[in-house]
C-alpha atoms as a PDB file:
ATOM      1  CA  UNK A   1      58.134-230.132  51.468  1.00  0.00           C
ATOM      2  CA  UNK A   2      57.520-232.383  54.108  1.00  0.00           C
ATOM      3  CA  UNK A   3      57.503-235.702  51.859  1.00  0.00           C
ATOM      4  CA  UNK A   4      60.624-234.796  50.186  1.00  0.00           C
ATOM      5  CA  UNK A   5      62.280-234.881  54.198  1.00  0.00           C
ATOM      6  CA  UNK A   6      60.438-238.062  54.644  1.00  0.00           C
ATOM      7  CA  UNK A   7      62.090-239.845  51.922  1.00  0.00           C
ATOM      8  CA  UNK A   8      65.644-238.510  52.435  1.00  0.00           C
ATOM      9  CA  UNK A   9      65.023-240.089  56.312  1.00  0.00           C
ATOM     10  CA  UNK A  10      63.685-243.019  54.962  1.00  0.00           C
ATOM     11  CA  UNK A  11      66.971-243.395  53.181  1.00  0.00           C
ATOM     12  CA  UNK A  12      68.857-243.629  55.905  1.00  0.00           C
ATOM     13  CA  UNK A  13      66.380-246.431  57.407  1.00  0.00           C
ATOM     14  CA  UNK A  14      65.577-248.500  54.365  1.00  0.00           C
ATOM     15  CA  UNK A  15      66.509-251.880  55.620  1.00  0.00           C
ATOM     16  CA  UNK A  16      64.562-251.657  58.275  1.00  0.00           C
ATOM     17  CA  UNK A  17      61.503-249.863  56.281  1.00  0.00           C
ATOM     18  CA  UNK A  18      61.419-251.760  52.928  1.00  0.00           C
ATOM     19  CA  UNK A  19      60.078-255.018  53.910  1.00  0.00           C
ATOM     20  CA  UNK A  20      57.414-253.758  55.801  1.00  0.00           C
ATOM     21  CA  UNK A  21      56.170-251.338  53.208  1.00  0.00           C
ATOM     22  CA  UNK A  22      54.177-252.340  50.110  1.00  0.00           C
ATOM     23  CA  UNK A  23      55.959-252.573  46.753  1.00  0.00           C
ATOM     24  CA  UNK A  24      56.109-249.138  45.010  1.00  0.00           C
ATOM     25  CA  UNK A  25      55.574-247.492  48.226  1.00  0.00           C
ATOM     26  CA  UNK A  26      58.437-244.124  47.611  1.00  0.00           C
ATOM     27  CA  UNK A  27      57.947-244.233  44.072  1.00  0.00           C
ATOM     28  CA  UNK A  28      54.207-242.862  44.343  1.00  0.00           C
ATOM     29  CA  UNK A  29      55.363-240.675  47.374  1.00  0.00           C
ATOM     30  CA  UNK A  30      57.469-239.190  44.670  1.00  0.00           C
ATOM     31  CA  UNK A  31      54.961-239.041  41.834  1.00  0.00           C
ATOM     32  CA  UNK A  32      52.745-237.350  44.518  1.00  0.00           C
ATOM     33  CA  UNK A  33      55.341-234.855  45.060  1.00  0.00           C
ATOM     34  CA  UNK A  34      56.467-234.390  41.573  1.00  0.00           C
ATOM     35  CA  UNK A  35      52.016-232.986  40.832  1.00  0.00           C
ATOM     36  CA  UNK A  36      52.100-230.744  44.268  1.00  0.00           C
ATOM     37  CA  UNK A  37      55.282-229.305  42.649  1.00  0.00           C
ATOM     38  CA  UNK A  38      53.527-228.504  39.645  1.00  0.00           C
ATOM     39  CA  UNK A  39      50.539-227.065  41.216  1.00  0.00           C
ATOM     40  CA  UNK A  40      51.875-223.812  39.333  1.00  0.00           C
ATOM     41  CA  UNK A  41      50.051-225.684  36.320  1.00  0.00           C
ATOM     42  CA  UNK A  42      47.125-225.096  38.174  1.00  0.00           C
ATOM     43  CA  UNK A  43      47.772-221.336  38.636  1.00  0.00           C
ATOM     44  CA  UNK A  44      48.684-221.062  35.236  1.00  0.00           C
ATOM     45  CA  UNK A  45      45.535-222.331  33.860  1.00  0.00           C
ATOM     46  CA  UNK A  46      43.078-219.888  36.146  1.00  0.00           C
ATOM     47  CA  UNK A  47      45.536-216.631  34.606  1.00  0.00           C
ATOM     48  CA  UNK A  48      44.266-217.891  31.013  1.00  0.00           C
ATOM     49  CA  UNK A  49      40.938-218.017  31.909  1.00  0.00           C
ATOM     50  CA  UNK A  50      41.057-214.702  33.376  1.00  0.00           C
ATOM     51  CA  UNK A  51      42.624-213.356  30.477  1.00  0.00           C
ATOM     52  CA  UNK A  52      40.061-214.731  28.218  1.00  0.00           C
ATOM     53  CA  UNK A  53      37.420-213.029  30.076  1.00  0.00           C
ATOM     54  CA  UNK A  54      38.943-209.745  30.365  1.00  0.00           C
ATOM     55  CA  UNK A  55      39.028-210.455  26.390  1.00  0.00           C
ATOM     56  CA  UNK A  56      35.915-211.228  25.885  1.00  0.00           C
ATOM     57  CA  UNK A  57      34.250-208.522  28.296  1.00  0.00           C
ATOM     58  CA  UNK A  58      36.075-206.188  25.666  1.00  0.00           C
ATOM     59  CA  UNK A  59      34.588-207.434  22.850  1.00  0.00           C
ATOM     60  CA  UNK A  60      31.170-207.644  24.065  1.00  0.00           C
ATOM     61  CA  UNK A  61      31.420-204.287  25.413  1.00  0.00           C
ATOM     62  CA  UNK A  62      32.742-202.661  21.748  1.00  0.00           C
ATOM     63  CA  UNK A  63      30.374-205.159  19.924  1.00  0.00           C
ATOM     64  CA  UNK A  64      27.187-204.067  22.041  1.00  0.00           C
ATOM     65  CA  UNK A  65      28.275-200.168  21.130  1.00  0.00           C
ATOM     66  CA  UNK A  66      28.790-201.107  17.274  1.00  0.00           C
ATOM     67  CA  UNK A  67      25.244-202.973  17.006  1.00  0.00           C
ATOM     68  CA  UNK A  68      23.793-199.693  18.873  1.00  0.00           C
ATOM     69  CA  UNK A  69      25.693-197.416  16.893  1.00  0.00           C
ATOM     70  CA  UNK A  70      24.218-199.252  13.187  1.00  0.00           C
ATOM     71  CA  UNK A  71      20.682-199.257  14.416  1.00  0.00           C
ATOM     72  CA  UNK A  72      20.847-195.693  15.179  1.00  0.00           C
ATOM     73  CA  UNK A  73      22.105-194.946  11.467  1.00  0.00           C
ATOM     74  CA  UNK A  74      19.816-197.476  10.099  1.00  0.00           C
ATOM     75  CA  UNK A  75      17.110-195.711  11.527  1.00  0.00           C
ATOM     76  CA  UNK A  76      18.107-192.257  10.873  1.00  0.00           C
ATOM     77  CA  UNK A  77      19.238-192.858   7.420  1.00  0.00           C
ATOM     78  CA  UNK A  78      15.912-194.976   6.034  1.00  0.00           C
ATOM     79  CA  UNK A  79      13.759-193.605   8.564  1.00  0.00           C
ATOM     80  CA  UNK A  80      10.535-195.073   6.283  1.00  0.00           C
ATOM     81  CA  UNK A  81      12.144-198.730   5.644  1.00  0.00           C
ATOM     82  CA  UNK A  82      10.476-200.894   8.037  1.00  0.00           C
ATOM     83  CA  UNK A  83      12.222-204.050   6.721  1.00  0.00           C
ATOM     84  CA  UNK A  84      15.548-203.000   7.039  1.00  0.00           C
ATOM     85  CA  UNK A  85      14.576-202.115  10.671  1.00  0.00           C
ATOM     86  CA  UNK A  86      13.326-205.321  11.394  1.00  0.00           C
ATOM     87  CA  UNK A  87      16.726-206.847   9.580  1.00  0.00           C
ATOM     88  CA  UNK A  88      18.960-205.038  11.814  1.00  0.00           C
ATOM     89  CA  UNK A  89      16.965-205.029  14.674  1.00  0.00           C
ATOM     90  CA  UNK A  90      16.054-201.152  15.334  1.00  0.00           C
ATOM     91  CA  UNK A  91      14.008-200.615  18.783  1.00  0.00           C
ATOM     92  CA  UNK A  92      15.341-203.855  20.066  1.00  0.00           C
ATOM     93  CA  UNK A  93      17.138-203.915  23.284  1.00  0.00           C
ATOM     94  CA  UNK A  94      21.038-205.873  23.528  1.00  0.00           C
ATOM     95  CA  UNK A  95      22.059-206.584  27.051  1.00  0.00           C
ATOM     96  CA  UNK A  96      25.915-206.359  27.815  1.00  0.00           C
ATOM     97  CA  UNK A  97      25.691-210.250  27.441  1.00  0.00           C
ATOM     98  CA  UNK A  98      27.864-212.824  25.739  1.00  0.00           C
ATOM     99  CA  UNK A  99      24.519-214.095  24.707  1.00  0.00           C
ATOM    100  CA  UNK A 100      22.653-211.261  23.483  1.00  0.00           C
ATOM    101  CA  UNK A 101      25.769-209.206  22.159  1.00  0.00           C
ATOM    102  CA  UNK A 102      26.444-212.340  19.822  1.00  0.00           C
ATOM    103  CA  UNK A 103      23.005-212.799  18.582  1.00  0.00           C
ATOM    104  CA  UNK A 104      23.026-209.082  17.810  1.00  0.00           C
ATOM    105  CA  UNK A 105      26.138-209.240  16.128  1.00  0.00           C
ATOM    106  CA  UNK A 106      25.237-212.662  14.102  1.00  0.00           C
ATOM    107  CA  UNK A 107      21.868-210.733  13.299  1.00  0.00           C
ATOM    108  CA  UNK A 108      23.663-207.452  11.670  1.00  0.00           C
ATOM    109  CA  UNK A 109      26.119-209.447   9.917  1.00  0.00           C
ATOM    110  CA  UNK A 110      23.514-211.241   8.356  1.00  0.00           C
ATOM    111  CA  UNK A 111      21.493-208.236   7.286  1.00  0.00           C
ATOM    112  CA  UNK A 112      24.441-206.614   5.793  1.00  0.00           C
ATOM    113  CA  UNK A 113      24.588-209.497   3.570  1.00  0.00           C
ATOM    114  CA  UNK A 114      21.394-209.259   2.515  1.00  0.00           C
ATOM    115  CA  UNK A 115      20.983-205.638   2.548  1.00  0.00           C
ATOM    116  CA  UNK A 116      24.685-203.901   1.193  1.00  0.00           C
ATOM    117  CA  UNK A 117      23.479-201.324  -0.778  1.00  0.00           C
ATOM    118  CA  UNK A 118      21.019-200.485   1.229  1.00  0.00           C
ATOM    119  CA  UNK A 119      23.760-200.241   4.299  1.00  0.00           C
ATOM    120  CA  UNK A 120      25.817-198.064   2.599  1.00  0.00           C
ATOM    121  CA  UNK A 121      23.136-195.683   1.625  1.00  0.00           C
ATOM    122  CA  UNK A 122      22.989-195.058   5.649  1.00  0.00           C
ATOM    123  CA  UNK A 123      26.633-194.378   5.832  1.00  0.00           C
ATOM    124  CA  UNK A 124      27.554-197.778   7.322  1.00  0.00           C
ATOM    125  CA  UNK A 125      30.818-199.325   5.538  1.00  0.00           C
ATOM    126  CA  UNK A 126      32.383-202.764   4.929  1.00  0.00           C
ATOM    127  CA  UNK A 127      34.867-202.024   7.497  1.00  0.00           C
ATOM    128  CA  UNK A 128      32.409-201.599  10.102  1.00  0.00           C
ATOM    129  CA  UNK A 129      31.003-205.013   8.916  1.00  0.00           C
ATOM    130  CA  UNK A 130      34.343-206.466   9.375  1.00  0.00           C
ATOM    131  CA  UNK A 131      34.472-204.877  13.119  1.00  0.00           C
ATOM    132  CA  UNK A 132      31.225-206.820  13.428  1.00  0.00           C
ATOM    133  CA  UNK A 133      32.646-210.134  12.015  1.00  0.00           C
ATOM    134  CA  UNK A 134      35.686-209.269  14.471  1.00  0.00           C
ATOM    135  CA  UNK A 135      33.870-209.094  17.816  1.00  0.00           C
ATOM    136  CA  UNK A 136      31.521-211.740  17.098  1.00  0.00           C
ATOM    137  CA  UNK A 137      34.906-214.132  16.367  1.00  0.00           C
ATOM    138  CA  UNK A 138      36.617-212.590  19.635  1.00  0.00           C
ATOM    139  CA  UNK A 139      33.434-213.330  21.707  1.00  0.00           C
ATOM    140  CA  UNK A 140      33.281-217.222  20.329  1.00  0.00           C
ATOM    141  CA  UNK A 141      36.878-217.664  20.817  1.00  0.00           C
ATOM    142  CA  UNK A 142      37.165-216.376  24.447  1.00  0.00           C
ATOM    143  CA  UNK A 143      33.895-218.432  25.315  1.00  0.00           C
ATOM    144  CA  UNK A 144      35.957-221.455  23.893  1.00  0.00           C
ATOM    145  CA  UNK A 145      38.838-220.940  26.124  1.00  0.00           C
ATOM    146  CA  UNK A 146      36.918-220.193  29.284  1.00  0.00           C
ATOM    147  CA  UNK A 147      35.190-223.338  29.022  1.00  0.00           C
ATOM    148  CA  UNK A 148      38.221-225.489  28.310  1.00  0.00           C
ATOM    149  CA  UNK A 149      39.865-223.369  30.704  1.00  0.00           C
ATOM    150  CA  UNK A 150      37.557-223.968  33.586  1.00  0.00           C
ATOM    151  CA  UNK A 151      37.798-227.986  32.649  1.00  0.00           C
ATOM    152  CA  UNK A 152      41.406-228.097  32.434  1.00  0.00           C
ATOM    153  CA  UNK A 153      41.258-226.076  35.865  1.00  0.00           C
ATOM    154  CA  UNK A 154      38.673-228.685  37.676  1.00  0.00           C
ATOM    155  CA  UNK A 155      41.100-231.511  36.073  1.00  0.00           C
ATOM    156  CA  UNK A 156      44.478-230.379  37.763  1.00  0.00           C
ATOM    157  CA  UNK A 157      42.715-229.071  41.431  1.00  0.00           C
ATOM    158  CA  UNK A 158      40.970-232.662  41.640  1.00  0.00           C
ATOM    159  CA  UNK A 159      44.678-234.516  40.681  1.00  0.00           C
ATOM    160  CA  UNK A 160      46.283-232.164  43.242  1.00  0.00           C
ATOM    161  CA  UNK A 161      43.965-232.635  45.734  1.00  0.00           C
ATOM    162  CA  UNK A 162      44.462-236.626  45.166  1.00  0.00           C
ATOM    163  CA  UNK A 163      48.017-236.158  45.698  1.00  0.00           C
ATOM    164  CA  UNK A 164      48.042-234.380  48.847  1.00  0.00           C
ATOM    165  CA  UNK A 165      45.633-236.888  50.108  1.00  0.00           C
ATOM    166  CA  UNK A 166      47.900-239.899  49.220  1.00  0.00           C
ATOM    167  CA  UNK A 167      50.498-237.924  50.568  1.00  0.00           C
ATOM    168  CA  UNK A 168      48.933-237.715  53.486  1.00  0.00           C
ATOM    169  CA  UNK A 169      48.098-241.068  54.260  1.00  0.00           C
ATOM    170  CA  UNK A 170      51.400-242.421  52.783  1.00  0.00           C
ATOM    171  CA  UNK A 171      53.096-240.202  55.236  1.00  0.00           C
ATOM    172  CA  UNK A 172      51.124-241.376  58.220  1.00  0.00           C
ATOM    173  CA  UNK A 173      51.383-244.814  57.329  1.00  0.00           C
ATOM    174  CA  UNK A 174      55.162-244.290  57.496  1.00  0.00           C
ATOM    175  CA  UNK A 175      55.233-242.649  60.567  1.00  0.00           C
ATOM    176  CA  UNK A 176      53.440-246.017  61.787  1.00  0.00           C
ATOM    177  CA  UNK A 177      55.646-248.074  60.414  1.00  0.00           C
ATOM    178  CA  UNK A 178      58.412-246.087  61.721  1.00  0.00           C
ATOM    179  CA  UNK A 179      57.441-246.706  65.339  1.00  0.00           C
ATOM    180  CA  UNK A 180      57.330-250.386  65.086  1.00  0.00           C
ATOM    181  CA  UNK A 181      60.369-250.527  63.263  1.00  0.00           C
ATOM    182  CA  UNK A 182      62.889-247.817  64.517  1.00  0.00           C
ATOM    183  CA  UNK A 183      63.852-246.409  67.862  1.00  0.00           C
ATOM    184  CA  UNK A 184      61.195-244.061  69.313  1.00  0.00           C
ATOM    185  CA  UNK A 185      63.796-240.924  68.731  1.00  0.00           C
ATOM    186  CA  UNK A 186      63.818-241.603  65.246  1.00  0.00           C
ATOM    187  CA  UNK A 187      60.295-242.543  64.690  1.00  0.00           C
ATOM    188  CA  UNK A 188      59.079-239.150  66.201  1.00  0.00           C
ATOM    189  CA  UNK A 189      61.398-237.519  63.569  1.00  0.00           C
ATOM    190  CA  UNK A 190      58.787-239.346  60.765  1.00  0.00           C
ATOM    191  CA  UNK A 191      55.872-238.061  62.790  1.00  0.00           C
ATOM    192  CA  UNK A 192      56.582-234.707  63.141  1.00  0.00           C
ATOM    193  CA  UNK A 193      56.325-234.980  58.861  1.00  0.00           C
ATOM    194  CA  UNK A 194      52.895-235.959  58.906  1.00  0.00           C
ATOM    195  CA  UNK A 195      50.596-233.037  57.933  1.00  0.00           C
ATOM    196  CA  UNK A 196      48.701-232.293  60.992  1.00  0.00           C
ATOM    197  CA  UNK A 197      44.970-232.722  59.013  1.00  0.00           C
ATOM    198  CA  UNK A 198      46.314-236.393  58.265  1.00  0.00           C
ATOM    199  CA  UNK A 199      47.578-237.118  62.024  1.00  0.00           C
ATOM    200  CA  UNK A 200      44.622-239.241  64.199  1.00  0.00           C
ATOM    201  CA  UNK A 201      44.174-238.040  67.525  1.00  0.00           C
ATOM    202  CA  UNK A 202      44.640-240.490  70.370  1.00  0.00           C
ATOM    203  CA  UNK A 203      41.615-241.960  71.705  1.00  0.00           C
ATOM    204  CA  UNK A 204      40.313-240.695  74.626  1.00  0.00           C
ATOM    205  CA  UNK A 205      40.982-242.757  77.862  1.00  0.00           C
ATOM    206  CA  UNK A 206      37.992-244.231  79.009  1.00  0.00           C
ATOM    207  CA  UNK A 207      36.169-242.434  81.996  1.00  0.00           C
ATOM    208  CA  UNK A 208      36.613-244.553  85.068  1.00  0.00           C
ATOM    209  CA  UNK A 209      33.410-246.818  86.241  1.00  0.00           C
END
């Protein structure tokens, strides 16, 4: 990393550079280098977020399938019990989204607690209700992981970008001080380590009047 090379180079010329730089200048560079080195944390957070999405997608798909199957059983098993139909949402449409499936599973679980004997009569067992509960819990858990990961990822990315910006600015300032304090050939070594986006283009030469 260019900043680490600059730190090593500066050690050999500390007597000439240190008096011209703010206190803690090199410590700040070391801290920002460590932040950039920890960039893998950002990638790990993104992987966690992706895994949560995949897990949530599975729970949404399986939950939607279970809701549809239970509603069909209620419809065919209790063809005249309109109150039961309404409780389980027979005739309703459930889209394959977190919100829709979560609501449908919640309604199914509530209805199962209200009509346990009627549900058993149409062939839906306690195990089926437990599956609905597990899907609902998985969706809720994955959703909270996703939201936390979004926030953490933004914070880590912001921290990384701030460190890179400071490094660019400080390496640029170090190169400028080196031009004043050190021989030209040594100063050029510092200048070569400044990130390209931090290098200022020389001012254009005014056109002759």
